[in-house]
Amino acid sequence: MFTKKDFEQSVSIQSSLTYWKQQLAGLPPLLSLPTDRPRRTDRTYRGSSQSFVLSRKLTTALSLLSRQEGVTLFTTLLAALNTLLYRYTGTEDIVVGSPVVKQNYSSIDLTFINALVLRTNLSGNPSFQQLLERVRAVILSAQNHQILPLSVLISKLQMEVDPSYSPLFQVTLTFNENVFLQDIELSSLATSPWGIEDNTAKIDLALMVEQNSNGLKGRWLYNANLFDSGTIERMNGHFQTLLASIVANPQQPIAKLSLLNTLEQQQLLVELNHTQTDYPRDKCIHQLFEQQVVQNPEGVAAIFEDRHLTYAQLNAKAN
């Protein structure tokens, strides 16, 4: 017998499906993360992880900023992760998955791990404060339409699934005080399809964060066939520098928030720009150029739009 509850559930499912069709229209199939190795055509699951701890001072500052802006700490962390991914990829359309707990709508009262698809538009180089508003709206809308399990959503949307990467999103964020995760310990999420279990990576990159009396601590879980440990270590450093830059000036446009620590800034601004070279004092510039012509005649000497000249060609024209 088709009950009122069944009817309401059917309407809710249809409404949710309509929402996700609109929300995920034109979704980029893959976030182009700066991997150390090319992605294989088949799916690989070799995983590894790196842990970190944020200071109590930085944790307090992030919590204070969240309260001042009227958002949860999860929202602030997601906005920061979006900013990091935007700066790494140059992509303004960022999709992050967030594991959630839902009630099964069968007659058996069970819960299961699902994931929300959180798609954020970072166009226009907004300030971090403005980005927080966008992320907050994305979370609330997704939460209101979370009745469909991820597997059902993929099927209903008739998405083409590439076997070399996870559909919809390749990065996830979990936080133990997330409004969706109030009754789940962070450790239990490692057994979810989006975490890493027994060094098996089921997602390209996962950030898992929890809060304790000393501050925020977390783990980067990553596909070791794509990333080297040194890359994740630098990414972790950039994330922490970014968080400190955010709390120092949340009005700053996200493209200008600092990612580099003092040492990296020194290397980029001073060491890499130190291009002074000793040239022979007994030769003129045209003589040095002709010497280069002899050494590398086919090398590209000049480029303008879609045209280029080799050293030999430029030398011939100059003569």
Protein backbone atom coordinates (compact mmCIF):
# COMPACT_ATOMS: atom_id res chain seq x y z
CA MET A 1 0.00 0.00 0.00
CA PHE A 2 1.38 3.43 -1.01
CA THR A 3 1.22 5.50 2.19
CA LYS A 4 1.42 9.21 2.80
CA LYS A 5 4.95 8.71 4.09
CA ASP A 6 5.90 6.91 0.87
CA PHE A 7 4.42 9.78 -1.15
CA GLU A 8 6.28 12.43 0.85
CA GLN A 9 9.48 10.46 0.50
CA SER A 10 8.97 10.12 -3.24
CA VAL A 11 8.43 13.89 -3.57
CA SER A 12 11.51 14.54 -1.45
CA ILE A 13 13.64 12.21 -3.58
CA GLN A 14 12.44 13.84 -6.79
CA SER A 15 13.06 17.31 -5.39
CA SER A 16 16.55 16.24 -4.34
CA LEU A 17 17.28 14.76 -7.75
CA THR A 18 16.14 17.96 -9.48
CA TYR A 19 18.39 20.00 -7.21
CA TRP A 20 21.47 17.87 -7.86
CA LYS A 21 20.89 17.89 -11.62
CA GLN A 22 21.01 21.68 -11.51
CA GLN A 23 23.82 21.88 -8.96
CA LEU A 24 26.11 19.46 -10.81
CA ALA A 25 25.40 20.64 -14.37
CA GLY A 26 28.66 21.16 -16.23
CA LEU A 27 30.67 19.67 -13.38
CA PRO A 28 34.36 19.31 -14.24
CA PRO A 29 35.06 15.55 -14.33
CA LEU A 30 38.48 15.81 -12.71
CA LEU A 31 40.30 18.28 -10.47
CA SER A 32 43.80 18.69 -11.93
CA LEU A 33 45.86 18.35 -8.79
CA PRO A 34 49.65 18.84 -9.16
CA THR A 35 50.58 15.16 -8.97
CA ASP A 36 54.13 13.82 -9.04
CA ARG A 37 53.24 11.06 -11.47
CA PRO A 38 50.67 10.80 -14.25
CA ARG A 39 47.41 9.07 -13.44
CA ARG A 40 47.24 5.50 -14.68
CA THR A 41 44.32 4.37 -16.82
CA ASP A 42 43.33 1.84 -14.17
CA ARG A 43 42.43 2.75 -10.59
CA THR A 44 45.23 2.45 -8.05
CA TYR A 45 44.78 2.34 -4.29
CA ARG A 46 48.24 2.46 -2.71
CA GLY A 47 47.86 4.95 0.11
CA SER A 48 49.87 6.76 2.74
CA SER A 49 49.27 9.54 5.26
CA GLN A 50 50.86 12.45 7.11
CA SER A 51 49.68 13.89 10.41
CA PHE A 52 49.84 17.46 11.70
CA VAL A 53 48.86 19.51 14.74
CA LEU A 54 47.83 23.16 14.71
CA SER A 55 48.79 25.32 17.66
CA ARG A 56 46.21 26.19 20.28
CA LYS A 57 46.69 29.85 19.33
CA LEU A 58 45.84 29.24 15.66
CA THR A 59 42.93 26.96 16.59
CA THR A 60 41.52 29.66 18.89
CA ALA A 61 41.90 32.28 16.16
CA LEU A 62 40.10 30.07 13.61
CA SER A 63 37.28 29.40 16.07
CA LEU A 64 36.96 33.11 16.85
CA LEU A 65 36.85 34.00 13.15
CA SER A 66 34.16 31.40 12.59
CA ARG A 67 32.00 32.79 15.38
CA GLN A 68 32.47 36.36 14.17
CA GLU A 69 31.40 35.39 10.66
CA GLY A 70 28.48 33.27 11.89
CA VAL A 71 29.76 30.00 10.40
CA THR A 72 30.92 26.66 11.77
CA LEU A 73 34.58 25.76 12.06
CA PHE A 74 33.94 23.10 9.42
CA THR A 75 32.81 25.85 7.02
CA THR A 76 36.01 27.81 7.66
CA LEU A 77 38.19 24.74 7.11
CA LEU A 78 36.33 23.89 3.89
CA ALA A 79 36.74 27.45 2.61
CA ALA A 80 40.45 27.27 3.42
CA LEU A 81 40.80 23.91 1.65
CA ASN A 82 38.94 25.31 -1.36
CA THR A 83 41.35 28.24 -1.41
CA LEU A 84 44.35 25.91 -1.28
CA LEU A 85 43.00 23.80 -4.15
CA TYR A 86 42.19 26.96 -6.13
CA ARG A 87 45.73 28.25 -5.68
CA TYR A 88 47.22 24.86 -6.59
CA THR A 89 45.12 24.24 -9.69
CA GLY A 90 43.98 27.67 -10.89
CA THR A 91 40.47 26.21 -11.04
CA GLU A 92 37.58 28.38 -9.83
CA ASP A 93 35.09 25.49 -9.80
CA ILE A 94 36.11 23.37 -6.80
CA VAL A 95 34.30 20.20 -5.68
CA VAL A 96 35.01 18.57 -2.31
CA GLY A 97 33.23 15.57 -0.83
CA SER A 98 32.26 15.44 2.84
CA PRO A 99 31.29 12.14 4.50
CA VAL A 100 27.98 12.34 6.35
CA VAL A 101 25.70 10.12 8.40
CA LYS A 102 22.19 9.53 7.11
CA GLN A 103 19.26 7.50 8.24
CA ASN A 104 18.45 4.67 5.88
CA TYR A 105 14.96 5.24 4.46
CA SER A 106 14.16 1.53 4.46
CA SER A 107 11.97 -0.03 7.12
CA ILE A 108 15.10 -0.96 9.09
CA ASP A 109 16.43 1.92 11.15
CA LEU A 110 20.10 1.87 10.18
CA THR A 111 22.71 4.51 9.48
CA PHE A 112 25.34 4.51 6.77
CA ILE A 113 28.27 6.62 5.66
CA ASN A 114 27.42 8.77 2.66
CA ALA A 115 29.04 11.88 1.21
CA LEU A 116 27.81 15.32 0.26
CA VAL A 117 29.07 16.88 -2.95
CA LEU A 118 30.10 20.43 -2.02
CA ARG A 119 30.66 22.47 -5.17
CA THR A 120 31.93 26.02 -4.64
CA ASN A 121 32.33 28.84 -7.14
CA LEU A 122 35.51 30.81 -6.40
CA SER A 123 35.31 33.14 -9.39
CA GLY A 124 35.94 36.87 -9.07
CA ASN A 125 38.77 36.52 -6.55
CA PRO A 126 36.51 37.05 -3.50
CA SER A 127 37.84 37.93 -0.09
CA PHE A 128 37.98 35.04 2.34
CA GLN A 129 35.03 36.56 4.20
CA GLN A 130 33.00 36.54 0.98
CA LEU A 131 34.08 32.98 0.25
CA LEU A 132 32.83 31.92 3.69
CA GLU A 133 29.35 33.11 2.74
CA ARG A 134 29.46 31.13 -0.50
CA VAL A 135 30.66 27.98 1.24
CA ARG A 136 28.05 28.33 3.98
CA ALA A 137 25.27 28.54 1.37
CA VAL A 138 26.65 25.51 -0.47
CA ILE A 139 26.72 23.42 2.71
CA LEU A 140 23.19 24.37 3.77
CA SER A 141 21.75 23.65 0.32
CA ALA A 142 23.52 20.30 0.09
CA GLN A 143 22.36 19.38 3.58
CA ASN A 144 18.75 20.08 2.61
CA HIS A 145 19.03 17.69 -0.33
CA GLN A 146 21.05 14.85 1.10
CA ILE A 147 18.39 12.12 0.94
CA LEU A 148 19.99 10.40 -2.06
CA PRO A 149 23.01 8.16 -1.39
CA LEU A 150 26.03 8.99 -3.52
CA SER A 151 25.83 5.75 -5.52
CA VAL A 152 22.15 6.39 -6.34
CA LEU A 153 22.94 9.99 -7.31
CA ILE A 154 25.65 8.88 -9.75
CA SER A 155 23.29 6.33 -11.26
CA LYS A 156 20.33 8.72 -11.55
CA LEU A 157 22.48 11.40 -13.17
CA GLN A 158 23.71 8.78 -15.67
CA MET A 159 27.29 9.89 -15.17
CA GLU A 160 30.12 8.34 -17.14
CA VAL A 161 32.44 6.82 -14.56
CA ASP A 162 36.15 6.80 -15.40
CA PRO A 163 37.86 3.80 -13.77
CA SER A 164 41.03 5.80 -13.07
CA TYR A 165 39.52 8.19 -10.48
CA SER A 166 36.53 8.60 -8.18
CA PRO A 167 33.43 10.25 -9.69
CA LEU A 168 32.13 13.70 -8.67
CA PHE A 169 35.08 14.58 -6.43
CA GLN A 170 38.68 13.54 -5.83
CA VAL A 171 39.24 15.42 -2.56
CA THR A 172 37.36 15.03 0.73
CA LEU A 173 37.21 16.87 4.05
CA THR A 174 35.94 15.47 7.34
CA PHE A 175 35.77 17.19 10.71
CA ASN A 176 34.60 15.57 13.90
CA GLU A 177 32.55 18.59 14.92
CA ASN A 178 30.94 18.96 11.52
CA VAL A 179 27.15 19.29 11.94
CA PHE A 180 26.85 16.12 9.82
CA LEU A 181 29.26 14.10 11.96
CA GLN A 182 28.18 14.80 15.52
CA ASP A 183 27.79 11.14 16.51
CA ILE A 184 30.78 9.62 14.73
CA GLU A 185 34.34 9.34 15.94
CA LEU A 186 36.96 10.52 13.43
CA SER A 187 38.70 7.15 13.55
CA SER A 188 35.62 5.35 12.27
CA LEU A 189 35.71 7.37 9.06
CA ALA A 190 38.90 5.59 8.04
CA THR A 191 36.75 2.60 7.13
CA SER A 192 34.52 4.64 4.83
CA PRO A 193 34.84 4.40 1.04
CA TRP A 194 36.43 7.86 1.00
CA GLY A 195 39.10 7.31 3.62
CA ILE A 196 42.17 5.08 3.73
CA GLU A 197 42.10 1.69 5.36
CA ASP A 198 45.18 -0.51 5.70
CA ASN A 199 47.18 1.89 3.49
CA THR A 200 44.58 1.66 0.73
CA ALA A 201 43.64 4.99 -0.87
CA LYS A 202 40.11 5.15 -2.25
CA ILE A 203 40.35 8.89 -3.00
CA ASP A 204 43.17 11.04 -4.38
CA LEU A 205 43.42 13.29 -1.34
CA ALA A 206 41.54 13.35 1.97
CA LEU A 207 41.90 15.82 4.82
CA MET A 208 40.63 14.57 8.19
CA VAL A 209 40.57 17.00 11.12
CA GLU A 210 39.50 16.72 14.75
CA GLN A 211 39.71 19.07 17.70
CA ASN A 212 41.11 18.31 21.13
CA SER A 213 42.14 20.34 24.18
CA ASN A 214 45.47 21.25 22.58
CA GLY A 215 44.08 22.45 19.25
CA LEU A 216 43.25 21.02 15.86
CA LYS A 217 44.98 17.89 14.66
CA GLY A 218 44.54 16.10 11.41
CA ARG A 219 45.83 13.77 8.71
CA TRP A 220 46.37 14.09 5.01
CA LEU A 221 45.45 10.77 3.43
CA TYR A 222 46.66 10.42 -0.14
CA ASN A 223 47.17 8.14 -3.09
CA ALA A 224 50.87 7.30 -2.99
CA ASN A 225 50.86 6.36 -6.67
CA LEU A 226 50.08 10.00 -7.45
CA PHE A 227 51.89 11.96 -4.73
CA ASP A 228 55.30 11.80 -3.08
CA SER A 229 55.50 12.32 0.67
CA GLY A 230 57.53 15.50 0.12
CA THR A 231 54.73 16.99 -1.97
CA ILE A 232 52.17 16.33 0.76
CA GLU A 233 54.55 17.73 3.35
CA ARG A 234 54.82 20.98 1.37
CA MET A 235 51.06 21.02 0.85
CA ASN A 236 50.56 20.67 4.59
CA GLY A 237 52.96 23.55 5.22
CA HIS A 238 51.14 25.70 2.68
CA PHE A 239 47.79 24.88 4.28
CA GLN A 240 48.99 25.91 7.72
CA THR A 241 50.56 29.12 6.38
CA LEU A 242 47.29 29.83 4.57
CA LEU A 243 45.27 29.37 7.77
CA ALA A 244 47.54 31.81 9.61
CA SER A 245 47.20 34.31 6.74
CA ILE A 246 43.40 33.93 6.82
CA VAL A 247 43.03 34.76 10.51
CA ALA A 248 45.47 37.67 10.13
CA ASN A 249 43.45 39.27 7.32
CA PRO A 250 40.17 37.58 6.32
CA GLN A 251 39.32 40.60 4.13
CA GLN A 252 42.22 39.74 1.83
CA PRO A 253 41.32 38.39 -1.65
CA ILE A 254 41.97 34.66 -1.76
CA ALA A 255 44.50 35.01 -4.58
CA LYS A 256 46.68 37.18 -2.33
CA LEU A 257 46.58 35.11 0.85
CA SER A 258 50.04 33.82 1.66
CA LEU A 259 50.96 30.16 1.11
CA LEU A 260 54.73 30.36 1.40
CA ASN A 261 56.68 30.29 4.63
CA THR A 262 59.67 32.57 5.24
CA LEU A 263 62.20 30.12 3.79
CA GLU A 264 60.15 29.56 0.61
CA GLN A 265 59.70 33.31 0.16
CA GLN A 266 63.47 33.77 0.47
CA GLN A 267 64.07 31.08 -2.15
CA LEU A 268 61.47 32.48 -4.55
CA LEU A 269 62.16 36.19 -4.23
CA VAL A 270 65.93 36.19 -3.69
CA GLU A 271 67.69 32.95 -4.60
CA LEU A 272 65.75 32.10 -7.78
CA ASN A 273 66.01 35.72 -8.95
CA HIS A 274 69.77 35.81 -8.46
CA THR A 275 70.68 35.59 -12.14
CA GLN A 276 73.87 37.67 -12.15
CA THR A 277 76.44 36.20 -14.54
CA ASP A 278 80.03 37.17 -15.27
CA TYR A 279 80.46 38.03 -18.96
CA PRO A 280 83.78 38.45 -20.80
CA ARG A 281 84.73 42.12 -20.56
CA ASP A 282 86.67 42.03 -23.83
CA LYS A 283 83.62 41.20 -26.03
CA CYS A 284 80.64 43.21 -27.19
CA ILE A 285 77.05 41.97 -27.00
CA HIS A 286 76.87 41.15 -30.72
CA GLN A 287 80.01 39.03 -30.39
CA LEU A 288 78.51 37.12 -27.46
CA PHE A 289 75.35 36.61 -29.50
CA GLU A 290 77.31 35.20 -32.47
CA GLN A 291 79.08 32.88 -30.06
CA GLN A 292 75.66 31.58 -28.97
CA VAL A 293 74.70 31.15 -32.63
CA VAL A 294 77.66 28.82 -33.10
CA GLN A 295 76.92 26.87 -29.91
CA ASN A 296 73.14 26.53 -30.36
CA PRO A 297 72.01 27.59 -33.86
CA GLU A 298 68.63 25.83 -33.70
CA GLY A 299 67.73 27.08 -30.23
CA VAL A 300 64.81 29.52 -29.99
CA ALA A 301 66.13 33.04 -29.60
CA ALA A 302 62.96 35.14 -29.89
CA ILE A 303 59.20 34.55 -29.62
CA PHE A 304 56.35 36.87 -30.58
CA GLU A 305 52.78 35.54 -30.44
CA ASP A 306 52.81 32.38 -32.59
CA ARG A 307 56.12 33.16 -34.36
CA HIS A 308 59.62 32.22 -33.26
CA LEU A 309 63.15 32.67 -34.56
CA THR A 310 66.16 30.46 -33.92
CA TYR A 311 69.55 31.97 -33.14
CA ALA A 312 70.67 31.20 -36.69
CA GLN A 313 67.60 32.86 -38.24
CA LEU A 314 67.82 35.93 -36.02
CA ASN A 315 71.53 36.26 -36.74
CA ALA A 316 70.90 36.05 -40.50
CA LYS A 317 68.19 38.75 -40.30
CA ALA A 318 70.42 40.95 -38.14
CA ASN A 319 73.28 40.64 -40.59
